[in-house]
Amino acid sequence: MPVLVNLDVMMAKRKIRSKDLAQKIGITEANLSLLKSGKVKGVRFTTLEAICHHLQCQPGDILVYEDG
């Protein structure tokens, strides 16, 4: 998959657990887990905005495009 999800890296840098982030942004832990693993076909901008707000980061810190 050319778009990599580095959400787990940002969460580790910010020292926040999946359970806590999921609760703060209003999604289930299962959906957050799917997002972290890159097994989703899309993400709502509102969800991405909430993640970035709570992790104090930019979308490019979480989503990375790799060619090849």
PDB file of N, CA and C in Angstrom:
ATOM      1  N   MET A   1       0.849  -1.173   0.000  1.00  0.00           N
ATOM      2  CA  MET A   1       0.000   0.000   0.000  1.00  0.00           C
ATOM      3  C   MET A   1       0.896   1.238   0.000  1.00  0.00           C
ATOM      4  N   PRO A   2       0.741   2.124  -0.954  1.00  0.00           N
ATOM      5  CA  PRO A   2       1.643   3.277  -1.047  1.00  0.00           C
ATOM      6  C   PRO A   2       1.417   4.341   0.028  1.00  0.00           C
ATOM      7  N   VAL A   3       0.249   4.372   0.681  1.00  0.00           N
ATOM      8  CA  VAL A   3       0.018   5.318   1.773  1.00  0.00           C
ATOM      9  C   VAL A   3       0.195   4.575   3.089  1.00  0.00           C
ATOM     10  N   LEU A   4       1.188   4.997   3.862  1.00  0.00           N
ATOM     11  CA  LEU A   4       1.476   4.367   5.137  1.00  0.00           C
ATOM     12  C   LEU A   4       0.871   5.187   6.271  1.00  0.00           C
ATOM     13  N   VAL A   5       0.384   4.520   7.278  1.00  0.00           N
ATOM     14  CA  VAL A   5      -0.200   5.172   8.441  1.00  0.00           C
ATOM     15  C   VAL A   5       0.773   5.046   9.607  1.00  0.00           C
ATOM     16  N   ASN A   6       1.261   6.180  10.073  1.00  0.00           N
ATOM     17  CA  ASN A   6       2.214   6.213  11.178  1.00  0.00           C
ATOM     18  C   ASN A   6       1.551   6.679  12.472  1.00  0.00           C
ATOM     19  N   LEU A   7       0.292   6.371  12.635  1.00  0.00           N
ATOM     20  CA  LEU A   7      -0.449   6.807  13.810  1.00  0.00           C
ATOM     21  C   LEU A   7       0.141   6.225  15.087  1.00  0.00           C
ATOM     22  N   ASP A   8       0.534   4.969  15.043  1.00  0.00           N
ATOM     23  CA  ASP A   8       1.107   4.345  16.242  1.00  0.00           C
ATOM     24  C   ASP A   8       2.399   5.027  16.668  1.00  0.00           C
ATOM     25  N   VAL A   9       3.177   5.516  15.696  1.00  0.00           N
ATOM     26  CA  VAL A   9       4.423   6.221  16.000  1.00  0.00           C
ATOM     27  C   VAL A   9       4.122   7.539  16.715  1.00  0.00           C
ATOM     28  N   MET A  10       3.137   8.291  16.184  1.00  0.00           N
ATOM     29  CA  MET A  10       2.772   9.563  16.802  1.00  0.00           C
ATOM     30  C   MET A  10       2.181   9.346  18.185  1.00  0.00           C
ATOM     31  N   MET A  11       1.402   8.300  18.341  1.00  0.00           N
ATOM     32  CA  MET A  11       0.825   8.005  19.650  1.00  0.00           C
ATOM     33  C   MET A  11       1.921   7.673  20.659  1.00  0.00           C
ATOM     34  N   ALA A  12       2.935   6.945  20.230  1.00  0.00           N
ATOM     35  CA  ALA A  12       4.052   6.612  21.113  1.00  0.00           C
ATOM     36  C   ALA A  12       4.832   7.867  21.489  1.00  0.00           C
ATOM     37  N   LYS A  13       5.043   8.758  20.523  1.00  0.00           N
ATOM     38  CA  LYS A  13       5.756  10.003  20.797  1.00  0.00           C
ATOM     39  C   LYS A  13       5.008  10.863  21.795  1.00  0.00           C
ATOM     40  N   ARG A  14       3.683  10.838  21.717  1.00  0.00           N
ATOM     41  CA  ARG A  14       2.851  11.655  22.612  1.00  0.00           C
ATOM     42  C   ARG A  14       2.449  10.905  23.883  1.00  0.00           C
ATOM     43  N   LYS A  15       2.859   9.650  23.967  1.00  0.00           N
ATOM     44  CA  LYS A  15       2.589   8.804  25.135  1.00  0.00           C
ATOM     45  C   LYS A  15       1.097   8.740  25.459  1.00  0.00           C
ATOM     46  N   ILE A  16       0.314   8.390  24.433  1.00  0.00           N
ATOM     47  CA  ILE A  16      -1.125   8.235  24.618  1.00  0.00           C
ATOM     48  C   ILE A  16      -1.533   6.835  24.189  1.00  0.00           C
ATOM     49  N   ARG A  17      -2.391   6.217  24.959  1.00  0.00           N
ATOM     50  CA  ARG A  17      -2.850   4.863  24.658  1.00  0.00           C
ATOM     51  C   ARG A  17      -4.020   4.897  23.688  1.00  0.00           C
ATOM     52  N   SER A  18      -4.206   3.801  22.983  1.00  0.00           N
ATOM     53  CA  SER A  18      -5.298   3.684  22.015  1.00  0.00           C
ATOM     54  C   SER A  18      -6.648   3.943  22.667  1.00  0.00           C
ATOM     55  N   LYS A  19      -6.834   3.368  23.833  1.00  0.00           N
ATOM     56  CA  LYS A  19      -8.107   3.523  24.541  1.00  0.00           C
ATOM     57  C   LYS A  19      -8.401   4.998  24.807  1.00  0.00           C
ATOM     58  N   ASP A  20      -7.402   5.732  25.261  1.00  0.00           N
ATOM     59  CA  ASP A  20      -7.589   7.144  25.583  1.00  0.00           C
ATOM     60  C   ASP A  20      -7.846   7.987  24.338  1.00  0.00           C
ATOM     61  N   LEU A  21      -7.086   7.753  23.277  1.00  0.00           N
ATOM     62  CA  LEU A  21      -7.275   8.527  22.049  1.00  0.00           C
ATOM     63  C   LEU A  21      -8.633   8.230  21.433  1.00  0.00           C
ATOM     64  N   ALA A  22      -9.012   6.972  21.387  1.00  0.00           N
ATOM     65  CA  ALA A  22     -10.310   6.599  20.817  1.00  0.00           C
ATOM     66  C   ALA A  22     -11.435   7.301  21.562  1.00  0.00           C
ATOM     67  N   GLN A  23     -11.343   7.339  22.877  1.00  0.00           N
ATOM     68  CA  GLN A  23     -12.374   7.986  23.680  1.00  0.00           C
ATOM     69  C   GLN A  23     -12.405   9.491  23.404  1.00  0.00           C
ATOM     70  N   LYS A  24     -11.239  10.118  23.295  1.00  0.00           N
ATOM     71  CA  LYS A  24     -11.173  11.567  23.073  1.00  0.00           C
ATOM     72  C   LYS A  24     -11.705  11.984  21.710  1.00  0.00           C
ATOM     73  N   ILE A  25     -11.486  11.144  20.692  1.00  0.00           N
ATOM     74  CA  ILE A  25     -11.925  11.534  19.343  1.00  0.00           C
ATOM     75  C   ILE A  25     -13.274  10.945  18.966  1.00  0.00           C
ATOM     76  N   GLY A  26     -13.828  10.106  19.833  1.00  0.00           N
ATOM     77  CA  GLY A  26     -15.179   9.614  19.618  1.00  0.00           C
ATOM     78  C   GLY A  26     -15.323   8.470  18.632  1.00  0.00           C
ATOM     79  N   ILE A  27     -14.320   7.584  18.576  1.00  0.00           N
ATOM     80  CA  ILE A  27     -14.451   6.380  17.757  1.00  0.00           C
ATOM     81  C   ILE A  27     -14.135   5.175  18.647  1.00  0.00           C
ATOM     82  N   THR A  28     -14.464   3.997  18.149  1.00  0.00           N
ATOM     83  CA  THR A  28     -14.204   2.795  18.935  1.00  0.00           C
ATOM     84  C   THR A  28     -12.724   2.426  18.859  1.00  0.00           C
ATOM     85  N   GLU A  29     -12.280   1.679  19.854  1.00  0.00           N
ATOM     86  CA  GLU A  29     -10.897   1.196  19.829  1.00  0.00           C
ATOM     87  C   GLU A  29     -10.655   0.296  18.627  1.00  0.00           C
ATOM     88  N   ALA A  30     -11.686  -0.467  18.244  1.00  0.00           N
ATOM     89  CA  ALA A  30     -11.560  -1.359  17.082  1.00  0.00           C
ATOM     90  C   ALA A  30     -11.316  -0.548  15.809  1.00  0.00           C
ATOM     91  N   ASN A  31     -12.063   0.549  15.637  1.00  0.00           N
ATOM     92  CA  ASN A  31     -11.869   1.385  14.448  1.00  0.00           C
ATOM     93  C   ASN A  31     -10.512   2.071  14.473  1.00  0.00           C
ATOM     94  N   LEU A  32     -10.069   2.495  15.645  1.00  0.00           N
ATOM     95  CA  LEU A  32      -8.746   3.104  15.756  1.00  0.00           C
ATOM     96  C   LEU A  32      -7.661   2.081  15.418  1.00  0.00           C
ATOM     97  N   SER A  33      -7.853   0.854  15.860  1.00  0.00           N
ATOM     98  CA  SER A  33      -6.898  -0.217  15.558  1.00  0.00           C
ATOM     99  C   SER A  33      -6.821  -0.469  14.054  1.00  0.00           C
ATOM    100  N   LEU A  34      -7.968  -0.487  13.392  1.00  0.00           N
ATOM    101  CA  LEU A  34      -7.993  -0.665  11.935  1.00  0.00           C
ATOM    102  C   LEU A  34      -7.275   0.483  11.239  1.00  0.00           C
ATOM    103  N   LEU A  35      -7.486   1.684  11.728  1.00  0.00           N
ATOM    104  CA  LEU A  35      -6.828   2.847  11.147  1.00  0.00           C
ATOM    105  C   LEU A  35      -5.318   2.770  11.342  1.00  0.00           C
ATOM    106  N   LYS A  36      -4.890   2.398  12.541  1.00  0.00           N
ATOM    107  CA  LYS A  36      -3.455   2.283  12.824  1.00  0.00           C
ATOM    108  C   LYS A  36      -2.785   1.240  11.940  1.00  0.00           C
ATOM    109  N   SER A  37      -3.493   0.169  11.658  1.00  0.00           N
ATOM    110  CA  SER A  37      -2.909  -0.901  10.850  1.00  0.00           C
ATOM    111  C   SER A  37      -2.972  -0.621   9.353  1.00  0.00           C
ATOM    112  N   GLY A  38      -3.689   0.424   8.964  1.00  0.00           N
ATOM    113  CA  GLY A  38      -3.800   0.767   7.544  1.00  0.00           C
ATOM    114  C   GLY A  38      -4.802  -0.087   6.799  1.00  0.00           C
ATOM    115  N   LYS A  39      -5.694  -0.758   7.516  1.00  0.00           N
ATOM    116  CA  LYS A  39      -6.660  -1.660   6.885  1.00  0.00           C
ATOM    117  C   LYS A  39      -7.970  -0.967   6.533  1.00  0.00           C
ATOM    118  N   VAL A  40      -7.956   0.351   6.460  1.00  0.00           N
ATOM    119  CA  VAL A  40      -9.154   1.095   6.080  1.00  0.00           C
ATOM    120  C   VAL A  40      -8.947   1.680   4.688  1.00  0.00           C
ATOM    121  N   LYS A  41     -10.034   1.897   3.992  1.00  0.00           N
ATOM    122  CA  LYS A  41      -9.939   2.463   2.648  1.00  0.00           C
ATOM    123  C   LYS A  41     -10.017   3.978   2.665  1.00  0.00           C
ATOM    124  N   GLY A  42     -10.420   4.537   3.793  1.00  0.00           N
ATOM    125  CA  GLY A  42     -10.517   5.987   3.891  1.00  0.00           C
ATOM    126  C   GLY A  42     -10.682   6.413   5.329  1.00  0.00           C
ATOM    127  N   VAL A  43     -10.528   7.705   5.527  1.00  0.00           N
ATOM    128  CA  VAL A  43     -10.715   8.275   6.856  1.00  0.00           C
ATOM    129  C   VAL A  43     -11.424   9.618   6.678  1.00  0.00           C
ATOM    130  N   ARG A  44     -12.392   9.891   7.529  1.00  0.00           N
ATOM    131  CA  ARG A  44     -13.108  11.158   7.452  1.00  0.00           C
ATOM    132  C   ARG A  44     -12.178  12.284   7.887  1.00  0.00           C
ATOM    133  N   PHE A  45     -12.341  13.428   7.233  1.00  0.00           N
ATOM    134  CA  PHE A  45     -11.532  14.579   7.601  1.00  0.00           C
ATOM    135  C   PHE A  45     -11.796  14.997   9.044  1.00  0.00           C
ATOM    136  N   THR A  46     -13.021  14.835   9.512  1.00  0.00           N
ATOM    137  CA  THR A  46     -13.331  15.198  10.897  1.00  0.00           C
ATOM    138  C   THR A  46     -12.563  14.305  11.876  1.00  0.00           C
ATOM    139  N   THR A  47     -12.427  13.035  11.533  1.00  0.00           N
ATOM    140  CA  THR A  47     -11.663  12.114  12.374  1.00  0.00           C
ATOM    141  C   THR A  47     -10.185  12.470  12.333  1.00  0.00           C
ATOM    142  N   LEU A  48      -9.664  12.740  11.150  1.00  0.00           N
ATOM    143  CA  LEU A  48      -8.264  13.123  10.995  1.00  0.00           C
ATOM    144  C   LEU A  48      -7.986  14.425  11.743  1.00  0.00           C
ATOM    145  N   GLU A  49      -8.922  15.363  11.656  1.00  0.00           N
ATOM    146  CA  GLU A  49      -8.780  16.635  12.366  1.00  0.00           C
ATOM    147  C   GLU A  49      -8.728  16.412  13.874  1.00  0.00           C
ATOM    148  N   ALA A  50      -9.604  15.554  14.387  1.00  0.00           N
ATOM    149  CA  ALA A  50      -9.632  15.268  15.824  1.00  0.00           C
ATOM    150  C   ALA A  50      -8.347  14.590  16.274  1.00  0.00           C
ATOM    151  N   ILE A  51      -7.848  13.659  15.475  1.00  0.00           N
ATOM    152  CA  ILE A  51      -6.589  12.981  15.802  1.00  0.00           C
ATOM    153  C   ILE A  51      -5.453  13.997  15.867  1.00  0.00           C
ATOM    154  N   CYS A  52      -5.358  14.839  14.844  1.00  0.00           N
ATOM    155  CA  CYS A  52      -4.294  15.839  14.801  1.00  0.00           C
ATOM    156  C   CYS A  52      -4.412  16.825  15.959  1.00  0.00           C
ATOM    157  N   HIS A  53      -5.627  17.193  16.303  1.00  0.00           N
ATOM    158  CA  HIS A  53      -5.846  18.119  17.416  1.00  0.00           C
ATOM    159  C   HIS A  53      -5.339  17.514  18.726  1.00  0.00           C
ATOM    160  N   HIS A  54      -5.719  16.283  18.999  1.00  0.00           N
ATOM    161  CA  HIS A  54      -5.352  15.657  20.265  1.00  0.00           C
ATOM    162  C   HIS A  54      -3.890  15.234  20.327  1.00  0.00           C
ATOM    163  N   LEU A  55      -3.295  14.928  19.184  1.00  0.00           N
ATOM    164  CA  LEU A  55      -1.878  14.559  19.169  1.00  0.00           C
ATOM    165  C   LEU A  55      -0.975  15.751  18.888  1.00  0.00           C
ATOM    166  N   GLN A  56      -1.583  16.910  18.608  1.00  0.00           N
ATOM    167  CA  GLN A  56      -0.858  18.132  18.271  1.00  0.00           C
ATOM    168  C   GLN A  56       0.172  17.876  17.172  1.00  0.00           C
ATOM    169  N   CYS A  57      -0.363  17.408  16.028  1.00  0.00           N
ATOM    170  CA  CYS A  57       0.492  17.110  14.888  1.00  0.00           C
ATOM    171  C   CYS A  57      -0.211  17.513  13.599  1.00  0.00           C
ATOM    172  N   GLN A  58       0.432  17.290  12.493  1.00  0.00           N
ATOM    173  CA  GLN A  58      -0.117  17.570  11.171  1.00  0.00           C
ATOM    174  C   GLN A  58      -0.501  16.256  10.500  1.00  0.00           C
ATOM    175  N   PRO A  59      -1.443  16.287   9.539  1.00  0.00           N
ATOM    176  CA  PRO A  59      -1.821  15.059   8.832  1.00  0.00           C
ATOM    177  C   PRO A  59      -0.613  14.347   8.202  1.00  0.00           C
ATOM    178  N   GLY A  60       0.365  15.119   7.745  1.00  0.00           N
ATOM    179  CA  GLY A  60       1.560  14.525   7.150  1.00  0.00           C
ATOM    180  C   GLY A  60       2.437  13.784   8.137  1.00  0.00           C
ATOM    181  N   ASP A  61       2.219  14.030   9.433  1.00  0.00           N
ATOM    182  CA  ASP A  61       2.942  13.277  10.455  1.00  0.00           C
ATOM    183  C   ASP A  61       2.357  11.881  10.613  1.00  0.00           C
ATOM    184  N   ILE A  62       1.102  11.720  10.190  1.00  0.00           N
ATOM    185  CA  ILE A  62       0.383  10.454  10.364  1.00  0.00           C
ATOM    186  C   ILE A  62       0.326   9.657   9.064  1.00  0.00           C
ATOM    187  N   LEU A  63       0.074  10.350   7.951  1.00  0.00           N
ATOM    188  CA  LEU A  63      -0.065   9.701   6.646  1.00  0.00           C
ATOM    189  C   LEU A  63       1.122  10.028   5.768  1.00  0.00           C
ATOM    190  N   VAL A  64       1.760   8.997   5.229  1.00  0.00           N
ATOM    191  CA  VAL A  64       2.944   9.181   4.391  1.00  0.00           C
ATOM    192  C   VAL A  64       2.761   8.406   3.089  1.00  0.00           C
ATOM    193  N   TYR A  65       3.053   9.046   1.966  1.00  0.00           N
ATOM    194  CA  TYR A  65       2.991   8.379   0.668  1.00  0.00           C
ATOM    195  C   TYR A  65       4.368   7.866   0.295  1.00  0.00           C
ATOM    196  N   GLU A  66       4.426   6.575  -0.039  1.00  0.00           N
ATOM    197  CA  GLU A  66       5.674   5.968  -0.517  1.00  0.00           C
ATOM    198  C   GLU A  66       5.427   5.349  -1.868  1.00  0.00           C
ATOM    199  N   ASP A  67       6.167   5.793  -2.843  1.00  0.00           N
ATOM    200  CA  ASP A  67       6.036   5.257  -4.197  1.00  0.00           C
ATOM    201  C   ASP A  67       6.755   3.920  -4.291  1.00  0.00           C
ATOM    202  N   GLY A  68       6.113   2.988  -4.957  1.00  0.00           N
ATOM    203  CA  GLY A  68       6.775   1.712  -5.170  1.00  0.00           C
ATOM    204  C   GLY A  68       6.047   0.641  -4.490  1.00  0.00           C
TER     205      GLY A  68
END
